[in-house]
Amino acid sequence: MDITISNRTIGLNHPTYFIADIAANHDGDLERAKELIRLAKQAGADSAKFQNFRAPKIVSDYGFRHMNSQVSHQASWKKSVFEVYQQASIPFEWTSILKEECDKVGIEFFSAPYDFEAIDMLDEHVKLYKAGSGEIDWIEALERMASKGKPFFVATGASTIGEVQQAVHAILKINPQLVLMQCNTNYTASPDNYNHLHLNVLKTYASMFPGVILGLSDHTHALAPVLGAVTLGARVIERHFTDRNDREGPDHKFAMNPDNWARMVEETRLLERSLGSSDKFVAGNEVQTAVVQRRCLRAARDIEPGEMFTREMIDVLRPATPGAIKPDQIANVIGTRALNFIPAGKELRWTDLGA
């Protein structure tokens, strides 16, 4: 099914919807967050997305401190996991300000909430919800977001097909406006990450959940994954967004900058035009080419009225003059007789032949 967000319709037969995930790239600065909104709009994003989490509601300081060491992308963080989340969080008070800025520049505002209070707080400010990959088996949170009755985007990184199936079934019982997003949740910006994107999962999702809109939440830089996902049926693309990749912070390194973002949108629009119809037919710009490049049946010599056609009397040559007999009809021409004089080289037409 298609879903509508403001003035945009999202679905298989509509343009791809681009989400610029500003996330923590505001660096704790409200004015910088507003600037990123403006840059995202200029680069062609449809939505500017934030993340509403509060450190005590999303991570256990005790839990991370009692791990042997910080791992994965967190291994390079100079501060504790709890401190990084604390500094990257967005005050609830920013919400109406960010929404107002998005409205002013003409881009959709929304945020991914990471606790029940954030889910409820956002309701009056957003027209869609997004659940990050880490929430895939927190069914009560998914149900709470789905129950708001708004389009619901769900990322599926670091999960199994069984966990995805469980989440999808729980959501669809409440809300059919689901966008299911393939995702890989390695945030290291390593070139090796392309080996782990598994875009073909989109084909599995299309088969298992017909009618559900598909998307890609991606943390790489190249255009190929986005173009591949759209080719496989994704119509929502989410990538992190920043102004400069060399800034300090947890999300800058793997984010897209405005120039790359604009190129991604441009190339995707070209791809959408190129995908076209699944029917095979002579395209509108091939009509003249079909005449000059295809062949038709022509008289190999002068042919007198009453002569019976043999194969030697027929040439197969370009151009395929409109109305002429096509090459696949040779067998049906052999054995017929010319009704009129046909000069050498002239195309054969059924009106020139008789029994």
Protein backbone atom coordinates (compact mmCIF):
# COMPACT_ATOMS: atom_id res chain seq x y z
CA MET A 1 0.00 0.00 0.00
CA ASP A 2 1.04 3.62 -0.48
CA ILE A 3 1.38 5.98 2.45
CA THR A 4 1.16 9.76 2.52
CA ILE A 5 3.30 12.13 4.58
CA SER A 6 2.32 15.77 4.18
CA ASN A 7 2.29 16.29 0.40
CA ARG A 8 4.43 13.26 -0.44
CA THR A 9 3.14 9.84 -1.41
CA ILE A 10 5.52 6.97 -0.72
CA GLY A 11 5.20 3.68 -2.55
CA LEU A 12 6.64 1.49 -5.27
CA ASN A 13 5.32 3.71 -8.07
CA HIS A 14 6.42 7.00 -6.51
CA PRO A 15 9.76 8.82 -6.18
CA THR A 16 12.16 7.61 -3.52
CA TYR A 17 11.82 9.38 -0.16
CA PHE A 18 15.13 10.61 1.30
CA ILE A 19 15.67 10.97 5.05
CA ALA A 20 18.65 13.01 6.26
CA ASP A 21 19.40 11.63 9.71
CA ILE A 22 21.02 14.53 11.54
CA ALA A 23 21.03 12.43 14.71
CA ALA A 24 23.91 13.53 16.95
CA ASN A 25 25.60 15.67 14.31
CA HIS A 26 24.16 18.81 15.89
CA ASP A 27 27.08 18.50 18.37
CA GLY A 28 24.91 19.87 21.17
CA ASP A 29 24.35 23.19 19.35
CA LEU A 30 20.78 24.18 18.50
CA GLU A 31 21.85 26.73 15.87
CA ARG A 32 24.02 24.11 14.22
CA ALA A 33 21.05 21.72 14.19
CA LYS A 34 19.00 24.37 12.39
CA GLU A 35 21.80 24.94 9.87
CA LEU A 36 21.93 21.22 9.12
CA ILE A 37 18.19 21.29 8.47
CA ARG A 38 18.70 24.03 5.90
CA LEU A 39 21.61 22.20 4.27
CA ALA A 40 19.62 18.97 4.10
CA LYS A 41 16.78 20.75 2.32
CA GLN A 42 19.18 22.34 -0.17
CA ALA A 43 20.77 18.94 -0.86
CA GLY A 44 17.40 17.41 -1.78
CA ALA A 45 16.33 15.58 1.38
CA ASP A 46 12.61 15.09 1.99
CA SER A 47 12.92 14.74 5.77
CA ALA A 48 15.28 15.96 8.47
CA LYS A 49 15.37 13.33 11.19
CA PHE A 50 16.65 13.61 14.74
CA GLN A 51 16.90 11.11 17.59
CA ASN A 52 15.28 11.64 20.96
CA PHE A 53 17.15 9.60 23.54
CA ARG A 54 18.27 10.32 27.07
CA ALA A 55 21.30 8.46 28.34
CA PRO A 56 19.68 6.89 31.46
CA LYS A 57 16.74 5.66 29.32
CA ILE A 58 18.80 4.03 26.58
CA VAL A 59 22.09 2.74 28.04
CA SER A 60 23.19 1.26 31.33
CA ASP A 61 26.25 3.07 32.60
CA TYR A 62 26.91 0.12 34.89
CA GLY A 63 26.52 -2.34 32.03
CA PHE A 64 29.00 -0.64 29.71
CA ARG A 65 31.51 0.09 32.46
CA HIS A 66 31.57 -3.58 33.40
CA MET A 67 32.33 -4.73 29.86
CA ASN A 68 35.99 -5.61 29.37
CA SER A 69 36.36 -2.74 26.91
CA GLN A 70 34.39 -0.64 24.48
CA VAL A 71 33.88 -2.54 21.23
CA SER A 72 32.78 -2.02 17.63
CA HIS A 73 32.53 1.65 16.60
CA GLN A 74 32.51 2.62 20.30
CA ALA A 75 36.09 1.43 20.69
CA SER A 76 37.36 4.73 19.24
CA TRP A 77 35.28 6.90 21.60
CA LYS A 78 37.39 8.88 24.02
CA LYS A 79 34.61 9.07 26.61
CA SER A 80 32.41 6.44 28.18
CA VAL A 81 29.36 5.25 26.28
CA PHE A 82 27.10 6.88 28.86
CA GLU A 83 28.87 10.24 28.53
CA VAL A 84 28.74 10.17 24.72
CA TYR A 85 25.01 9.48 24.74
CA GLN A 86 24.47 12.16 27.35
CA GLN A 87 26.25 14.79 25.24
CA ALA A 88 24.55 13.70 22.00
CA SER A 89 21.03 13.81 23.38
CA ILE A 90 18.51 16.43 22.27
CA PRO A 91 16.57 18.29 24.95
CA PHE A 92 12.83 17.84 24.58
CA GLU A 93 12.63 21.65 24.54
CA TRP A 94 14.31 21.72 21.12
CA THR A 95 11.49 19.78 19.49
CA SER A 96 9.11 22.62 18.65
CA ILE A 97 12.04 24.83 17.55
CA LEU A 98 13.40 22.19 15.17
CA LYS A 99 9.91 21.52 13.84
CA GLU A 100 9.40 25.24 13.21
CA GLU A 101 12.70 25.45 11.31
CA CYS A 102 11.77 22.47 9.16
CA ASP A 103 8.38 24.01 8.38
CA LYS A 104 10.07 27.27 7.45
CA VAL A 105 12.38 25.70 4.87
CA GLY A 106 9.87 23.13 3.61
CA ILE A 107 11.26 19.83 4.85
CA GLU A 108 9.51 17.21 6.99
CA PHE A 109 10.58 17.08 10.63
CA PHE A 110 10.58 13.89 12.64
CA SER A 111 12.60 12.05 15.23
CA ALA A 112 13.26 8.51 16.37
CA PRO A 113 12.23 8.16 20.03
CA TYR A 114 14.03 5.78 22.37
CA ASP A 115 11.79 5.73 25.43
CA PHE A 116 8.08 5.89 26.18
CA GLU A 117 8.11 9.54 27.23
CA ALA A 118 9.85 10.52 24.00
CA ILE A 119 7.32 8.51 21.97
CA ASP A 120 4.42 10.35 23.58
CA MET A 121 6.13 13.74 23.53
CA LEU A 122 6.72 13.59 19.78
CA ASP A 123 3.14 12.72 18.89
CA GLU A 124 1.95 16.32 18.49
CA HIS A 125 5.05 17.32 16.50
CA VAL A 126 5.55 14.55 13.93
CA LYS A 127 3.65 12.91 11.09
CA LEU A 128 5.66 9.68 11.18
CA TYR A 129 7.66 7.55 13.57
CA LYS A 130 10.93 5.68 13.17
CA ALA A 131 12.24 2.81 15.27
CA GLY A 132 15.98 2.26 15.20
CA SER A 133 17.40 -1.20 14.66
CA GLY A 134 18.15 -1.70 18.34
CA GLU A 135 14.43 -1.70 19.14
CA ILE A 136 13.55 -4.64 16.86
CA ASP A 137 12.58 -7.02 19.68
CA TRP A 138 11.26 -4.40 22.12
CA ILE A 139 7.74 -5.18 20.99
CA GLU A 140 5.98 -2.99 23.55
CA ALA A 141 7.85 0.08 22.25
CA LEU A 142 7.08 -0.83 18.63
CA GLU A 143 3.43 -1.27 19.52
CA ARG A 144 3.35 2.05 21.30
CA MET A 145 4.72 3.86 18.25
CA ALA A 146 2.47 1.94 15.86
CA SER A 147 -0.56 2.81 17.98
CA LYS A 148 -0.11 6.49 17.15
CA GLY A 149 -1.67 5.68 13.78
CA LYS A 150 1.05 7.35 11.71
CA PRO A 151 3.43 5.97 9.07
CA PHE A 152 5.99 3.89 10.90
CA PHE A 153 9.52 3.27 9.59
CA VAL A 154 11.37 0.34 11.18
CA ALA A 155 15.07 -0.42 10.66
CA THR A 156 16.18 -4.04 10.89
CA GLY A 157 19.96 -4.00 11.39
CA ALA A 158 21.65 -6.69 13.49
CA SER A 159 18.55 -8.88 13.60
CA THR A 160 17.36 -12.24 12.31
CA ILE A 161 14.49 -12.89 9.93
CA GLY A 162 12.53 -14.40 12.83
CA GLU A 163 12.91 -11.22 14.87
CA VAL A 164 11.86 -9.13 11.88
CA GLN A 165 8.84 -11.34 11.30
CA GLN A 166 7.80 -11.02 14.94
CA ALA A 167 8.09 -7.22 14.80
CA VAL A 168 6.26 -6.88 11.48
CA HIS A 169 3.35 -9.04 12.60
CA ALA A 170 3.02 -7.09 15.85
CA ILE A 171 3.01 -3.76 14.01
CA LEU A 172 0.64 -4.76 11.23
CA LYS A 173 -1.98 -5.86 13.75
CA ILE A 174 -2.12 -2.23 14.84
CA ASN A 175 -1.02 -0.13 11.88
CA PRO A 176 -0.69 -1.05 8.18
CA GLN A 177 1.42 2.04 7.36
CA LEU A 178 4.74 0.23 7.70
CA VAL A 179 8.05 0.91 5.95
CA LEU A 180 10.46 -1.97 6.52
CA MET A 181 14.11 -1.00 6.12
CA GLN A 182 17.07 -3.27 5.50
CA CYS A 183 20.01 -2.01 7.54
CA ASN A 184 23.54 -2.85 8.61
CA THR A 185 24.48 -1.35 11.95
CA ASN A 186 28.25 -1.16 11.69
CA TYR A 187 29.16 2.51 12.17
CA THR A 188 32.92 2.30 11.58
CA ALA A 189 32.92 3.63 7.98
CA SER A 190 35.16 0.69 7.08
CA PRO A 191 35.33 -0.22 3.34
CA ASP A 192 34.69 -3.80 4.44
CA ASN A 193 31.13 -2.84 5.38
CA TYR A 194 30.01 -3.13 1.76
CA ASN A 195 30.46 -6.90 2.11
CA HIS A 196 27.79 -6.94 4.80
CA LEU A 197 24.96 -4.80 3.41
CA HIS A 198 23.03 -7.78 1.96
CA LEU A 199 20.68 -5.74 -0.17
CA ASN A 200 19.13 -8.96 -1.46
CA VAL A 201 17.30 -9.17 1.87
CA LEU A 202 14.94 -6.64 0.27
CA LYS A 203 13.82 -9.41 -2.09
CA THR A 204 13.08 -11.61 0.91
CA TYR A 205 11.09 -8.84 2.56
CA ALA A 206 9.11 -8.25 -0.64
CA SER A 207 8.24 -11.93 -0.78
CA MET A 208 7.41 -12.35 2.91
CA PHE A 209 5.58 -9.07 3.44
CA PRO A 210 3.76 -8.19 0.21
CA GLY A 211 2.29 -4.72 0.27
CA VAL A 212 4.79 -3.42 2.83
CA ILE A 213 6.89 -0.51 1.57
CA LEU A 214 10.62 -1.24 1.64
CA GLY A 215 13.57 0.98 2.47
CA LEU A 216 17.28 1.09 3.22
CA SER A 217 18.87 2.63 6.30
CA ASP A 218 22.52 2.80 5.35
CA HIS A 219 25.78 3.90 6.95
CA THR A 220 28.14 3.82 3.97
CA HIS A 221 29.14 6.60 1.57
CA ALA A 222 29.00 5.17 -1.96
CA LEU A 223 26.05 5.60 -4.30
CA ALA A 224 25.98 1.94 -5.35
CA PRO A 225 24.06 0.63 -2.28
CA VAL A 226 21.38 3.27 -2.67
CA LEU A 227 20.96 2.69 -6.39
CA GLY A 228 20.94 -1.07 -5.84
CA ALA A 229 18.31 -0.81 -3.12
CA VAL A 230 16.05 1.34 -5.26
CA THR A 231 16.42 -1.13 -8.13
CA LEU A 232 15.36 -3.90 -5.74
CA GLY A 233 12.25 -1.97 -4.74
CA ALA A 234 13.27 0.28 -1.82
CA ARG A 235 11.45 3.60 -1.89
CA VAL A 236 12.79 5.10 1.35
CA ILE A 237 16.48 5.86 1.83
CA GLU A 238 17.93 6.99 5.14
CA ARG A 239 21.51 8.10 5.62
CA HIS A 240 23.21 10.22 8.26
CA PHE A 241 23.86 13.82 7.28
CA THR A 242 26.55 16.31 8.27
CA ASP A 243 28.27 19.33 6.80
CA ARG A 244 31.80 17.95 7.24
CA ASN A 245 33.01 14.42 7.83
CA ASP A 246 36.13 15.53 9.73
CA ARG A 247 34.18 16.89 12.71
CA GLU A 248 34.55 15.30 16.12
CA GLY A 249 31.56 13.21 17.16
CA PRO A 250 30.14 9.69 16.95
CA ASP A 251 28.18 10.08 13.69
CA HIS A 252 30.18 12.42 11.46
CA LYS A 253 32.59 9.89 9.99
CA PHE A 254 29.98 7.70 8.30
CA ALA A 255 27.56 10.52 7.38
CA MET A 256 26.93 12.03 3.95
CA ASN A 257 27.97 15.62 3.32
CA PRO A 258 25.76 18.01 1.27
CA ASP A 259 27.63 17.52 -2.01
CA ASN A 260 27.46 13.72 -1.84
CA TRP A 261 23.85 13.86 -0.72
CA ALA A 262 22.83 16.03 -3.68
CA ARG A 263 24.60 13.66 -6.08
CA MET A 264 22.86 10.68 -4.47
CA VAL A 265 19.45 12.25 -5.01
CA GLU A 266 20.31 13.26 -8.58
CA GLU A 267 21.54 9.77 -9.51
CA THR A 268 18.51 8.15 -7.89
CA ARG A 269 16.14 10.35 -9.87
CA LEU A 270 17.95 9.29 -13.06
CA LEU A 271 17.66 5.67 -12.00
CA GLU A 272 13.93 6.03 -11.35
CA ARG A 273 13.47 7.43 -14.85
CA SER A 274 15.59 4.61 -16.24
CA LEU A 275 13.71 1.80 -14.47
CA GLY A 276 10.52 2.65 -16.32
CA SER A 277 8.00 -0.05 -17.19
CA SER A 278 8.26 -3.81 -16.73
CA ASP A 279 6.47 -4.28 -20.09
CA LYS A 280 8.68 -4.76 -23.15
CA PHE A 281 7.68 -2.64 -26.12
CA VAL A 282 9.16 -0.28 -28.70
CA ALA A 283 9.89 2.79 -26.60
CA GLY A 284 8.75 6.20 -27.74
CA ASN A 285 12.25 7.32 -28.66
CA GLU A 286 12.93 4.09 -30.60
CA VAL A 287 10.09 4.38 -33.13
CA GLN A 288 12.27 5.89 -35.85
CA THR A 289 15.21 3.64 -34.96
CA ALA A 290 12.95 0.61 -35.37
CA VAL A 291 12.42 1.66 -38.98
CA VAL A 292 16.06 2.29 -39.93
CA GLN A 293 17.63 -0.54 -37.90
CA ARG A 294 15.13 -3.35 -38.38
CA ARG A 295 14.65 -5.27 -41.64
CA CYS A 296 11.74 -6.14 -43.89
CA LEU A 297 11.20 -8.38 -46.93
CA ARG A 298 12.21 -6.87 -50.28
CA ALA A 299 12.29 -8.01 -53.89
CA ALA A 300 15.72 -9.47 -54.70
CA ARG A 301 15.09 -8.74 -58.43
CA ASP A 302 12.37 -7.38 -60.65
CA ILE A 303 9.31 -9.57 -60.18
CA GLU A 304 6.64 -9.88 -62.87
CA PRO A 305 2.91 -10.21 -62.11
CA GLY A 306 1.95 -13.86 -61.59
CA GLU A 307 5.43 -15.07 -60.61
CA MET A 308 5.50 -17.44 -57.65
CA PHE A 309 7.85 -16.43 -54.86
CA THR A 310 10.82 -18.62 -54.00
CA ARG A 311 13.34 -17.89 -51.26
CA GLU A 312 15.86 -16.63 -53.81
CA MET A 313 13.45 -13.88 -54.87
CA ILE A 314 13.39 -12.36 -51.34
CA ASP A 315 15.97 -10.12 -49.68
CA VAL A 316 15.88 -9.23 -45.97
CA LEU A 317 17.14 -5.67 -45.73
CA ARG A 318 16.88 -2.42 -43.83
CA PRO A 319 14.87 -0.17 -43.51
CA ALA A 320 11.74 -1.80 -42.14
CA THR A 321 9.33 0.38 -44.08
CA PRO A 322 6.05 0.74 -42.15
CA GLY A 323 3.48 -1.72 -43.49
CA ALA A 324 6.10 -4.01 -45.07
CA ILE A 325 6.18 -7.75 -44.36
CA LYS A 326 8.51 -8.63 -41.49
CA PRO A 327 11.32 -11.23 -41.73
CA ASP A 328 9.56 -13.77 -39.50
CA GLN A 329 6.92 -14.17 -42.26
CA ILE A 330 9.29 -15.48 -44.97
CA ALA A 331 7.79 -18.97 -44.89
CA ASN A 332 4.30 -17.53 -45.45
CA VAL A 333 5.46 -15.49 -48.48
CA ILE A 334 7.10 -18.42 -50.28
CA GLY A 335 4.57 -19.98 -52.64
CA THR A 336 2.43 -16.86 -53.06
CA ARG A 337 2.25 -14.99 -56.39
CA ALA A 338 2.92 -11.38 -57.23
CA LEU A 339 -0.26 -9.49 -58.09
CA ASN A 340 1.64 -6.54 -59.56
CA PHE A 341 5.06 -5.72 -60.96
CA ILE A 342 7.50 -5.30 -58.05
CA PRO A 343 10.80 -3.61 -58.87
CA ALA A 344 14.03 -4.90 -57.32
CA GLY A 345 14.58 -3.50 -53.82
CA LYS A 346 10.95 -2.58 -53.17
CA GLU A 347 9.43 -3.71 -49.92
CA LEU A 348 6.88 -6.54 -50.04
CA ARG A 349 3.40 -5.95 -48.73
CA TRP A 350 0.57 -8.41 -48.28
CA THR A 351 -1.53 -6.33 -50.71
CA ASP A 352 1.04 -7.19 -53.43
CA LEU A 353 0.64 -10.97 -52.95
CA GLY A 354 -2.01 -13.52 -53.78
CA ALA A 355 -2.56 -17.23 -53.84
